């Protein structure tokens, strides 16, 4: 195979996908997320945390205080490929994330996540942005 074929094959190959957590081993707080590429999100999150630019400021602060050795990157639930090559996995993964957020409630003292906005809150934000 030439380089172009290998690149195309790689893009068509499904990566491990699902719901993950970054767990603080000192205080057991967790950050829960979902992705269509678990390997990629773990690499990106580690890079962001090492660079001091992770979107979760609380997670970043604890990472800086406790160090990388006190955090575990774990898969909570994996989504496996279906027979249909055109299947859209995004909604499955997002639904699983919502279920895990409901189960673990990783907010405040228990975690690093921010509660998701309600439909009404999102609509209000969109309306306010249109007025600007």
C-alpha atoms as a PDB file:
ATOM      1  CA  UNK A   1       0.000   0.000   0.000  1.00  0.00           C
ATOM      2  CA  UNK A   2       1.127   3.512  -0.686  1.00  0.00           C
ATOM      3  CA  UNK A   3       1.019   6.372   1.784  1.00  0.00           C
ATOM      4  CA  UNK A   4      -2.247   7.741   0.416  1.00  0.00           C
ATOM      5  CA  UNK A   5      -4.022   4.364   0.798  1.00  0.00           C
ATOM      6  CA  UNK A   6      -2.709   3.938   4.341  1.00  0.00           C
ATOM      7  CA  UNK A   7      -3.954   7.399   5.289  1.00  0.00           C
ATOM      8  CA  UNK A   8      -7.418   6.701   3.830  1.00  0.00           C
ATOM      9  CA  UNK A   9      -7.594   3.332   5.613  1.00  0.00           C
ATOM     10  CA  UNK A  10      -6.616   4.946   8.918  1.00  0.00           C
ATOM     11  CA  UNK A  11      -9.349   7.590   8.565  1.00  0.00           C
ATOM     12  CA  UNK A  12     -11.944   4.889   7.862  1.00  0.00           C
ATOM     13  CA  UNK A  13     -10.885   2.724  10.816  1.00  0.00           C
ATOM     14  CA  UNK A  14     -13.009   3.365  13.888  1.00  0.00           C
ATOM     15  CA  UNK A  15     -11.053   4.317  16.974  1.00  0.00           C
ATOM     16  CA  UNK A  16     -12.046   3.124  20.474  1.00  0.00           C
ATOM     17  CA  UNK A  17     -14.902   5.414  21.569  1.00  0.00           C
ATOM     18  CA  UNK A  18     -16.992   5.888  24.666  1.00  0.00           C
ATOM     19  CA  UNK A  19     -17.109   7.526  28.088  1.00  0.00           C
ATOM     20  CA  UNK A  20     -13.998   8.184  30.174  1.00  0.00           C
ATOM     21  CA  UNK A  21     -12.966   9.702  33.451  1.00  0.00           C
ATOM     22  CA  UNK A  22      -9.873  11.417  34.752  1.00  0.00           C
ATOM     23  CA  UNK A  23      -9.707  10.442  38.436  1.00  0.00           C
ATOM     24  CA  UNK A  24      -7.756  12.220  41.144  1.00  0.00           C
ATOM     25  CA  UNK A  25      -6.244   9.417  43.246  1.00  0.00           C
ATOM     26  CA  UNK A  26      -5.749  11.704  46.242  1.00  0.00           C
ATOM     27  CA  UNK A  27      -9.291  13.019  46.748  1.00  0.00           C
ATOM     28  CA  UNK A  28     -11.241  10.761  44.314  1.00  0.00           C
ATOM     29  CA  UNK A  29     -12.709  13.699  42.376  1.00  0.00           C
ATOM     30  CA  UNK A  30     -13.409  12.849  38.723  1.00  0.00           C
ATOM     31  CA  UNK A  31     -13.810  14.551  35.393  1.00  0.00           C
ATOM     32  CA  UNK A  32     -16.213  12.669  33.092  1.00  0.00           C
ATOM     33  CA  UNK A  33     -16.349  13.083  29.324  1.00  0.00           C
ATOM     34  CA  UNK A  34     -17.147  11.268  26.118  1.00  0.00           C
ATOM     35  CA  UNK A  35     -15.417  11.003  22.773  1.00  0.00           C
ATOM     36  CA  UNK A  36     -15.304   9.224  19.446  1.00  0.00           C
ATOM     37  CA  UNK A  37     -11.573   8.630  20.029  1.00  0.00           C
ATOM     38  CA  UNK A  38     -10.568   7.510  23.523  1.00  0.00           C
ATOM     39  CA  UNK A  39      -6.856   7.234  22.741  1.00  0.00           C
ATOM     40  CA  UNK A  40      -6.907  10.712  21.237  1.00  0.00           C
ATOM     41  CA  UNK A  41      -8.717  12.346  24.168  1.00  0.00           C
ATOM     42  CA  UNK A  42      -6.342  10.785  26.678  1.00  0.00           C
ATOM     43  CA  UNK A  43      -3.354  12.106  24.723  1.00  0.00           C
ATOM     44  CA  UNK A  44      -4.931  15.547  24.307  1.00  0.00           C
ATOM     45  CA  UNK A  45      -5.962  15.794  27.969  1.00  0.00           C
ATOM     46  CA  UNK A  46      -2.490  14.803  29.188  1.00  0.00           C
ATOM     47  CA  UNK A  47      -0.913  17.340  26.837  1.00  0.00           C
ATOM     48  CA  UNK A  48      -3.299  20.106  27.991  1.00  0.00           C
ATOM     49  CA  UNK A  49      -2.715  19.311  31.649  1.00  0.00           C
ATOM     50  CA  UNK A  50       1.076  19.201  31.256  1.00  0.00           C
ATOM     51  CA  UNK A  51       0.944  22.504  29.335  1.00  0.00           C
ATOM     52  CA  UNK A  52      -1.335  24.073  31.966  1.00  0.00           C
ATOM     53  CA  UNK A  53      -4.175  24.798  29.541  1.00  0.00           C
ATOM     54  CA  UNK A  54      -6.886  22.233  30.338  1.00  0.00           C
ATOM     55  CA  UNK A  55     -10.408  23.709  29.965  1.00  0.00           C
ATOM     56  CA  UNK A  56     -11.338  22.582  33.508  1.00  0.00           C
ATOM     57  CA  UNK A  57      -9.574  25.102  35.731  1.00  0.00           C
ATOM     58  CA  UNK A  58     -10.309  23.049  38.879  1.00  0.00           C
ATOM     59  CA  UNK A  59      -8.831  19.902  37.347  1.00  0.00           C
ATOM     60  CA  UNK A  60      -5.838  21.890  36.145  1.00  0.00           C
ATOM     61  CA  UNK A  61      -5.281  23.355  39.638  1.00  0.00           C
ATOM     62  CA  UNK A  62      -5.365  19.909  41.268  1.00  0.00           C
ATOM     63  CA  UNK A  63      -3.065  18.484  38.569  1.00  0.00           C
ATOM     64  CA  UNK A  64      -0.594  21.270  39.295  1.00  0.00           C
ATOM     65  CA  UNK A  65      -0.854  20.667  43.050  1.00  0.00           C
ATOM     66  CA  UNK A  66      -0.806  16.838  43.187  1.00  0.00           C
ATOM     67  CA  UNK A  67       1.169  15.951  40.043  1.00  0.00           C
ATOM     68  CA  UNK A  68       0.542  13.622  37.107  1.00  0.00           C
ATOM     69  CA  UNK A  69       1.283  10.493  39.121  1.00  0.00           C
ATOM     70  CA  UNK A  70      -1.863  11.099  41.200  1.00  0.00           C
ATOM     71  CA  UNK A  71      -4.304  10.934  38.275  1.00  0.00           C
ATOM     72  CA  UNK A  72      -5.736   7.939  36.439  1.00  0.00           C
ATOM     73  CA  UNK A  73      -7.215   8.003  32.935  1.00  0.00           C
ATOM     74  CA  UNK A  74      -9.941   5.363  32.790  1.00  0.00           C
ATOM     75  CA  UNK A  75     -12.564   4.098  30.351  1.00  0.00           C
ATOM     76  CA  UNK A  76     -15.983   3.913  31.985  1.00  0.00           C
ATOM     77  CA  UNK A  77     -17.837   2.450  29.023  1.00  0.00           C
ATOM     78  CA  UNK A  78     -16.841   1.683  25.463  1.00  0.00           C
ATOM     79  CA  UNK A  79     -19.085   1.865  22.401  1.00  0.00           C
ATOM     80  CA  UNK A  80     -18.424  -0.871  19.890  1.00  0.00           C
ATOM     81  CA  UNK A  81     -18.783  -0.588  16.091  1.00  0.00           C
ATOM     82  CA  UNK A  82     -21.985  -1.692  14.389  1.00  0.00           C
ATOM     83  CA  UNK A  83     -22.395  -3.447  11.075  1.00  0.00           C
ATOM     84  CA  UNK A  84     -23.597  -0.248   9.376  1.00  0.00           C
ATOM     85  CA  UNK A  85     -20.478   1.663   8.216  1.00  0.00           C
ATOM     86  CA  UNK A  86     -22.462   4.941   8.031  1.00  0.00           C
ATOM     87  CA  UNK A  87     -23.801   4.760  11.588  1.00  0.00           C
ATOM     88  CA  UNK A  88     -23.410   8.007  13.558  1.00  0.00           C
ATOM     89  CA  UNK A  89     -22.008   7.135  16.999  1.00  0.00           C
ATOM     90  CA  UNK A  90     -21.989  10.680  18.366  1.00  0.00           C
ATOM     91  CA  UNK A  91     -25.500  10.566  19.850  1.00  0.00           C
ATOM     92  CA  UNK A  92     -24.855   7.138  21.444  1.00  0.00           C
ATOM     93  CA  UNK A  93     -21.683   8.402  23.089  1.00  0.00           C
ATOM     94  CA  UNK A  94     -23.344  11.628  24.291  1.00  0.00           C
ATOM     95  CA  UNK A  95     -26.289   9.674  25.735  1.00  0.00           C
ATOM     96  CA  UNK A  96     -23.915   7.371  27.628  1.00  0.00           C
ATOM     97  CA  UNK A  97     -22.051  10.400  28.957  1.00  0.00           C
ATOM     98  CA  UNK A  98     -25.333  11.837  30.278  1.00  0.00           C
ATOM     99  CA  UNK A  99     -26.079   8.532  32.029  1.00  0.00           C
ATOM    100  CA  UNK A 100     -22.634   8.456  33.654  1.00  0.00           C
ATOM    101  CA  UNK A 101     -22.937  12.108  34.702  1.00  0.00           C
ATOM    102  CA  UNK A 102     -26.279  11.278  36.299  1.00  0.00           C
ATOM    103  CA  UNK A 103     -24.801   8.246  38.060  1.00  0.00           C
ATOM    104  CA  UNK A 104     -21.542   9.784  39.323  1.00  0.00           C
ATOM    105  CA  UNK A 105     -22.658  13.416  39.758  1.00  0.00           C
ATOM    106  CA  UNK A 106     -19.089  14.711  39.327  1.00  0.00           C
ATOM    107  CA  UNK A 107     -19.889  18.263  40.430  1.00  0.00           C
ATOM    108  CA  UNK A 108     -18.620  20.403  43.273  1.00  0.00           C
ATOM    109  CA  UNK A 109     -16.794  18.346  45.909  1.00  0.00           C
ATOM    110  CA  UNK A 110     -17.263  15.120  43.898  1.00  0.00           C
ATOM    111  CA  UNK A 111     -15.777  16.214  40.602  1.00  0.00           C
ATOM    112  CA  UNK A 112     -14.558  18.666  38.028  1.00  0.00           C
ATOM    113  CA  UNK A 113     -17.552  18.800  35.673  1.00  0.00           C
ATOM    114  CA  UNK A 114     -19.927  21.732  35.369  1.00  0.00           C
ATOM    115  CA  UNK A 115     -23.620  20.786  35.330  1.00  0.00           C
ATOM    116  CA  UNK A 116     -25.027  20.800  31.792  1.00  0.00           C
ATOM    117  CA  UNK A 117     -27.337  23.643  30.903  1.00  0.00           C
ATOM    118  CA  UNK A 118     -31.031  22.939  30.468  1.00  0.00           C
ATOM    119  CA  UNK A 119     -32.719  23.386  27.110  1.00  0.00           C
ATOM    120  CA  UNK A 120     -34.248  26.655  28.319  1.00  0.00           C
ATOM    121  CA  UNK A 121     -30.865  27.981  29.480  1.00  0.00           C
ATOM    122  CA  UNK A 122     -29.289  27.149  26.104  1.00  0.00           C
ATOM    123  CA  UNK A 123     -32.149  28.834  24.215  1.00  0.00           C
ATOM    124  CA  UNK A 124     -31.858  31.941  26.395  1.00  0.00           C
ATOM    125  CA  UNK A 125     -28.084  32.096  25.769  1.00  0.00           C
ATOM    126  CA  UNK A 126     -28.671  31.806  22.012  1.00  0.00           C
ATOM    127  CA  UNK A 127     -31.238  34.615  22.113  1.00  0.00           C
ATOM    128  CA  UNK A 128     -28.887  36.852  24.113  1.00  0.00           C
ATOM    129  CA  UNK A 129     -26.059  36.208  21.639  1.00  0.00           C
ATOM    130  CA  UNK A 130     -28.306  37.242  18.717  1.00  0.00           C
ATOM    131  CA  UNK A 131     -29.007  40.561  20.423  1.00  0.00           C
ATOM    132  CA  UNK A 132     -25.306  41.408  20.634  1.00  0.00           C
END
